[in-house]
N, C-alpha and C. Protein backbone atom coordinates (compact mmCIF):
# COMPACT_ATOMS: atom_id res chain seq x y z
N MET A 1 0.72 -0.98 0.01
CA MET A 1 0.03 0.08 0.12
C MET A 1 0.99 1.21 -0.01
N GLN A 2 1.94 1.18 0.76
CA GLN A 2 2.84 2.24 0.75
C GLN A 2 3.53 2.73 -0.58
N ILE A 3 3.99 1.42 -1.16
CA ILE A 3 4.35 1.72 -2.69
C ILE A 3 3.42 2.68 -3.64
N ARG A 4 2.32 1.92 -3.42
CA ARG A 4 0.85 2.44 -4.18
C ARG A 4 1.03 4.13 -3.98
N ALA A 5 0.74 4.59 -2.69
CA ALA A 5 0.72 5.85 -2.63
C ALA A 5 1.90 6.70 -2.62
N LEU A 6 3.24 5.88 -2.67
CA LEU A 6 4.30 6.75 -3.02
C LEU A 6 4.24 7.06 -4.32
N ALA A 7 4.00 6.03 -5.38
CA ALA A 7 4.32 5.78 -6.70
C ALA A 7 2.85 6.97 -7.26
N LEU A 8 1.99 6.91 -6.50
CA LEU A 8 0.97 8.17 -6.83
C LEU A 8 1.57 9.65 -6.75
N SER A 9 2.27 9.69 -5.76
CA SER A 9 2.60 10.73 -4.95
C SER A 9 3.72 11.43 -6.12
N ALA A 10 4.75 10.72 -6.43
CA ALA A 10 5.67 10.55 -7.51
C ALA A 10 5.06 11.47 -8.67
N ILE A 11 4.18 10.58 -9.13
CA ILE A 11 3.26 11.07 -10.61
C ILE A 11 2.45 12.35 -10.50
N ALA A 12 2.01 12.54 -9.39
CA ALA A 12 1.33 13.91 -9.21
C ALA A 12 2.54 14.91 -9.08
N LEU A 13 3.62 14.86 -8.43
CA LEU A 13 4.41 15.88 -8.19
C LEU A 13 5.45 16.03 -9.60
N PHE A 14 5.71 14.84 -10.11
CA PHE A 14 6.19 15.11 -11.72
C PHE A 14 5.22 15.54 -12.64
N SER A 15 4.30 15.36 -12.60
CA SER A 15 3.61 15.81 -13.91
C SER A 15 2.78 17.20 -13.88
N THR A 16 3.28 18.09 -12.54
CA THR A 16 2.47 19.37 -12.59
C THR A 16 3.73 20.34 -12.79
N GLY A 17 4.98 20.08 -13.11
CA GLY A 17 5.77 20.64 -13.48
C GLY A 17 5.75 21.09 -14.73
N PRO A 18 6.46 22.25 -15.18
CA PRO A 18 6.51 22.73 -16.77
C PRO A 18 6.93 21.66 -17.75
N SER A 19 6.23 21.75 -18.81
CA SER A 19 6.80 20.57 -19.39
C SER A 19 7.38 21.34 -20.88
N PHE A 20 8.26 20.66 -21.15
CA PHE A 20 8.92 21.34 -22.36
C PHE A 20 9.20 20.20 -23.44
N ALA A 21 8.50 20.67 -24.74
CA ALA A 21 8.49 19.62 -26.00
C ALA A 21 8.96 20.34 -27.02
N ALA A 22 9.39 19.78 -27.86
CA ALA A 22 9.29 20.58 -29.42
C ALA A 22 8.12 21.36 -30.06
N LEU A 23 8.27 22.41 -30.39
CA LEU A 23 7.32 23.30 -30.72
C LEU A 23 6.91 22.78 -32.00
N ALA A 24 5.15 23.12 -32.28
CA ALA A 24 4.82 23.05 -33.54
C ALA A 24 5.52 23.81 -34.78
N PRO A 25 5.45 23.28 -35.82
CA PRO A 25 6.33 24.02 -36.79
C PRO A 25 5.82 25.31 -37.06
N ASN A 26 5.04 25.59 -36.98
CA ASN A 26 4.29 26.98 -37.17
C ASN A 26 4.48 27.96 -36.03
N TYR A 27 4.85 27.66 -34.62
CA TYR A 27 5.25 28.29 -33.74
C TYR A 27 6.59 28.41 -33.85
N GLN A 28 7.63 27.30 -34.13
CA GLN A 28 8.65 27.41 -34.27
C GLN A 28 9.00 28.60 -35.13
N ARG A 29 8.41 27.99 -36.53
CA ARG A 29 8.56 29.53 -37.54
C ARG A 29 8.57 30.90 -36.94
N ALA A 30 7.31 30.95 -36.17
CA ALA A 30 7.01 32.18 -35.60
C ALA A 30 7.98 32.78 -34.61
N ASN A 31 9.07 31.84 -33.82
CA ASN A 31 10.03 32.28 -33.18
C ASN A 31 11.15 32.61 -33.85
N GLU A 32 11.37 31.84 -34.92
CA GLU A 32 12.62 32.41 -36.07
C GLU A 32 12.09 33.57 -36.37
N LEU A 33 10.95 33.83 -37.38
CA LEU A 33 10.91 35.15 -37.68
C LEU A 33 10.65 36.25 -36.87
N THR A 34 10.50 36.14 -35.38
CA THR A 34 10.25 37.56 -34.75
C THR A 34 11.89 37.73 -34.46
N ALA A 35 12.83 36.65 -34.41
CA ALA A 35 14.13 36.64 -34.05
C ALA A 35 14.62 37.68 -35.40
N ILE A 36 14.56 37.27 -36.42
CA ILE A 36 15.03 37.80 -37.76
C ILE A 36 14.51 39.44 -37.70
N ILE A 37 13.40 39.60 -37.52
CA ILE A 37 12.58 40.61 -37.45
C ILE A 37 13.69 41.76 -36.33
N SER A 38 13.68 41.14 -35.33
CA SER A 38 14.72 41.87 -34.30
C SER A 38 16.13 42.03 -34.73
N ALA A 39 16.91 41.08 -35.16
CA ALA A 39 18.18 41.13 -35.42
C ALA A 39 18.59 42.37 -36.53
N VAL A 40 17.46 42.04 -37.63
CA VAL A 40 17.67 43.26 -39.04
C VAL A 40 16.92 44.51 -38.67
N ALA A 41 16.05 44.71 -37.50
CA ALA A 41 15.91 46.01 -37.35
C ALA A 41 16.78 46.96 -36.57
N ALA A 42 17.92 45.84 -35.70
CA ALA A 42 19.01 46.53 -34.99
C ALA A 42 20.23 46.86 -36.42
N ALA A 43 20.41 45.78 -36.96
CA ALA A 43 21.20 46.37 -38.17
C ALA A 43 20.92 47.12 -39.12
N VAL A 44 19.55 47.62 -39.09
CA VAL A 44 19.29 48.34 -40.17
C VAL A 44 17.97 49.55 -39.54
N PRO A 45 18.65 50.06 -38.74
CA PRO A 45 17.36 51.01 -37.89
C PRO A 45 16.94 52.08 -38.49
N LYS A 46 17.30 52.45 -39.83
CA LYS A 46 17.27 53.50 -40.79
C LYS A 46 15.84 53.14 -41.29
N TYR A 47 15.59 52.31 -41.64
CA TYR A 47 14.24 51.63 -42.81
C TYR A 47 13.42 50.39 -41.85
N PRO A 48 12.18 50.74 -42.32
CA PRO A 48 11.14 49.46 -41.39
C PRO A 48 11.26 48.33 -42.72
N ILE A 49 11.18 47.24 -41.98
CA ILE A 49 11.06 45.91 -42.69
C ILE A 49 9.63 46.01 -43.50
N ASP A 50 10.04 45.56 -45.11
CA ASP A 50 8.90 45.67 -45.55
C ASP A 50 8.55 44.25 -46.20
N LYS A 51 9.62 43.11 -46.25
CA LYS A 51 9.10 41.86 -46.48
C LYS A 51 10.33 41.04 -45.88
N ILE A 52 9.90 39.79 -45.88
CA ILE A 52 10.66 38.82 -45.70
C ILE A 52 10.57 37.52 -46.44
N ILE A 53 11.51 37.16 -47.40
CA ILE A 53 11.56 36.19 -48.33
C ILE A 53 12.05 34.72 -48.02
N SER A 54 11.34 33.53 -47.91
CA SER A 54 12.06 32.30 -47.74
C SER A 54 13.00 31.95 -48.77
N GLN A 55 13.96 31.76 -48.68
CA GLN A 55 15.03 31.15 -49.75
C GLN A 55 15.65 29.76 -49.38
N GLY A 56 14.83 28.95 -48.67
CA GLY A 56 15.08 27.67 -48.62
C GLY A 56 15.12 27.47 -46.91
N ARG A 57 15.65 26.51 -46.91
CA ARG A 57 15.73 25.81 -45.28
C ARG A 57 16.59 26.93 -44.37
N ASP A 58 16.04 27.41 -43.47
CA ASP A 58 16.85 28.39 -42.37
C ASP A 58 17.66 29.59 -43.31
N ARG A 59 17.05 29.99 -44.18
CA ARG A 59 17.77 31.22 -44.83
C ARG A 59 16.84 32.02 -45.52
N TYR A 60 16.84 33.39 -45.18
CA TYR A 60 15.90 34.17 -45.67
C TYR A 60 16.60 35.87 -46.03
N THR A 61 15.93 36.33 -47.13
CA THR A 61 16.15 37.56 -47.65
C THR A 61 15.10 38.66 -46.97
N VAL A 62 15.45 39.62 -46.56
CA VAL A 62 14.94 40.59 -45.84
C VAL A 62 15.22 41.98 -46.49
N VAL A 63 13.86 42.20 -46.75
CA VAL A 63 13.95 43.80 -47.60
C VAL A 63 13.46 44.93 -46.49
N ALA A 64 14.21 45.75 -46.48
CA ALA A 64 13.95 46.77 -45.19
C ALA A 64 14.34 48.29 -46.13
N GLY A 65 13.37 48.80 -46.67
CA GLY A 65 13.61 50.18 -47.18
C GLY A 65 14.20 49.85 -48.68
N GLN A 66 15.62 50.39 -48.66
CA GLN A 66 16.36 50.32 -49.91
C GLN A 66 17.65 49.49 -49.34
N CYS A 67 17.37 48.38 -48.56
CA CYS A 67 18.40 47.66 -47.92
C CYS A 67 17.75 46.42 -48.23
N THR A 68 18.87 45.31 -48.51
CA THR A 68 18.49 43.85 -48.64
C THR A 68 19.38 43.06 -47.57
N VAL A 69 19.13 42.18 -46.75
CA VAL A 69 19.97 41.71 -45.57
C VAL A 69 19.65 40.15 -45.74
N ILE A 70 20.43 39.00 -45.94
CA ILE A 70 20.34 37.77 -46.08
C ILE A 70 20.32 37.18 -44.38
N ALA A 71 19.47 36.62 -44.01
CA ALA A 71 19.82 36.34 -42.27
C ALA A 71 19.19 34.50 -42.72
N ARG A 72 20.03 34.00 -41.65
CA ARG A 72 20.36 32.58 -41.39
C ARG A 72 20.15 32.06 -39.98
N ILE A 73 19.56 31.00 -40.03
CA ILE A 73 19.13 30.50 -38.88
C ILE A 73 20.14 29.45 -38.79
N VAL A 74 20.88 29.60 -37.52
CA VAL A 74 21.68 28.70 -37.31
C VAL A 74 21.33 28.09 -35.82
N GLY A 75 21.16 26.58 -35.94
CA GLY A 75 20.67 25.54 -34.92
C GLY A 75 21.96 25.51 -33.88
N LEU A 76 21.39 25.73 -32.70
CA LEU A 76 22.44 25.39 -31.56
C LEU A 76 22.19 24.04 -30.84
N PRO A 77 23.38 23.61 -30.33
CA PRO A 77 23.48 21.99 -29.83
C PRO A 77 22.37 22.24 -28.56
N SER A 78 21.48 21.44 -28.40
CA SER A 78 20.91 21.17 -27.34
C SER A 78 21.38 20.28 -26.02
N LYS A 79 21.23 20.68 -24.62
CA LYS A 79 21.71 19.79 -23.77
C LYS A 79 21.52 18.26 -24.20
N PRO A 80 22.39 17.46 -23.84
CA PRO A 80 21.98 15.88 -23.86
C PRO A 80 20.79 15.56 -22.96
N GLY A 81 20.05 14.57 -23.51
CA GLY A 81 19.01 14.11 -22.96
C GLY A 81 17.50 15.03 -22.65
N LEU A 82 17.67 16.30 -23.27
CA LEU A 82 16.64 17.27 -23.08
C LEU A 82 15.95 17.35 -24.57
N VAL A 83 14.38 17.61 -24.11
CA VAL A 83 13.71 17.74 -25.51
C VAL A 83 13.06 19.28 -25.17
N GLY A 84 12.98 19.84 -26.11
CA GLY A 84 12.10 21.11 -26.03
C GLY A 84 12.25 21.70 -27.55
N PRO A 85 12.32 22.88 -27.74
CA PRO A 85 11.90 23.75 -28.79
C PRO A 85 13.60 23.85 -29.17
N ARG A 86 13.61 24.16 -30.79
CA ARG A 86 14.97 24.10 -31.27
C ARG A 86 15.77 25.31 -30.85
N LEU A 87 16.39 25.24 -30.40
CA LEU A 87 17.86 26.37 -29.88
C LEU A 87 18.24 26.96 -31.22
N PHE A 88 18.11 28.29 -31.30
CA PHE A 88 19.17 28.77 -32.48
C PHE A 88 19.47 30.17 -32.36
N LYS A 89 20.48 30.70 -33.28
CA LYS A 89 20.54 31.97 -33.22
C LYS A 89 20.31 32.61 -35.02
N VAL A 90 20.39 33.78 -35.11
CA VAL A 90 20.39 34.55 -36.32
C VAL A 90 21.59 35.15 -36.64
N GLU A 91 22.23 34.65 -37.82
CA GLU A 91 23.24 35.36 -38.30
C GLU A 91 23.01 36.26 -39.82
N LEU A 92 23.63 37.26 -39.58
CA LEU A 92 23.35 38.54 -40.92
C LEU A 92 24.28 38.43 -41.69
N ASP A 93 24.01 38.93 -42.90
CA ASP A 93 25.24 39.39 -43.42
C ASP A 93 25.24 40.68 -43.73
N ARG A 94 26.16 41.14 -44.44
CA ARG A 94 26.34 42.76 -44.30
C ARG A 94 25.08 43.34 -45.09
N PRO A 95 24.30 44.20 -44.76
CA PRO A 95 23.38 44.59 -45.46
C PRO A 95 24.00 45.47 -46.95
N ARG A 96 23.22 45.25 -48.08
CA ARG A 96 23.42 46.07 -48.94
C ARG A 96 22.49 47.18 -48.97
N CYS A 97 22.91 48.21 -49.20
CA CYS A 97 22.02 49.16 -49.38
C CYS A 97 22.02 49.98 -50.96
N ASP A 98 21.08 50.44 -51.46
CA ASP A 98 21.03 51.22 -52.68
C ASP A 98 21.21 52.60 -52.70
């Protein structure tokens, strides 16, 4: 009986904490686009962002006024044994402005 109570207590304890799982693709993409917008806005503060064009996996062309910037999503390693959203950083090429 004690083992059963202990097992139920353990299940209740561990199931109430936050859970981390991989994000659905649309939410992961939203996180990546938000990071790209922030990075480009900091790199080209003079112009607002007009459009973001997907150029394949993890590569985007961002048009901000008269400037064009290539943005890349670079995956970062996650801690062994942990699952969760993809860790990444944004790398920008030098802005090309007309």
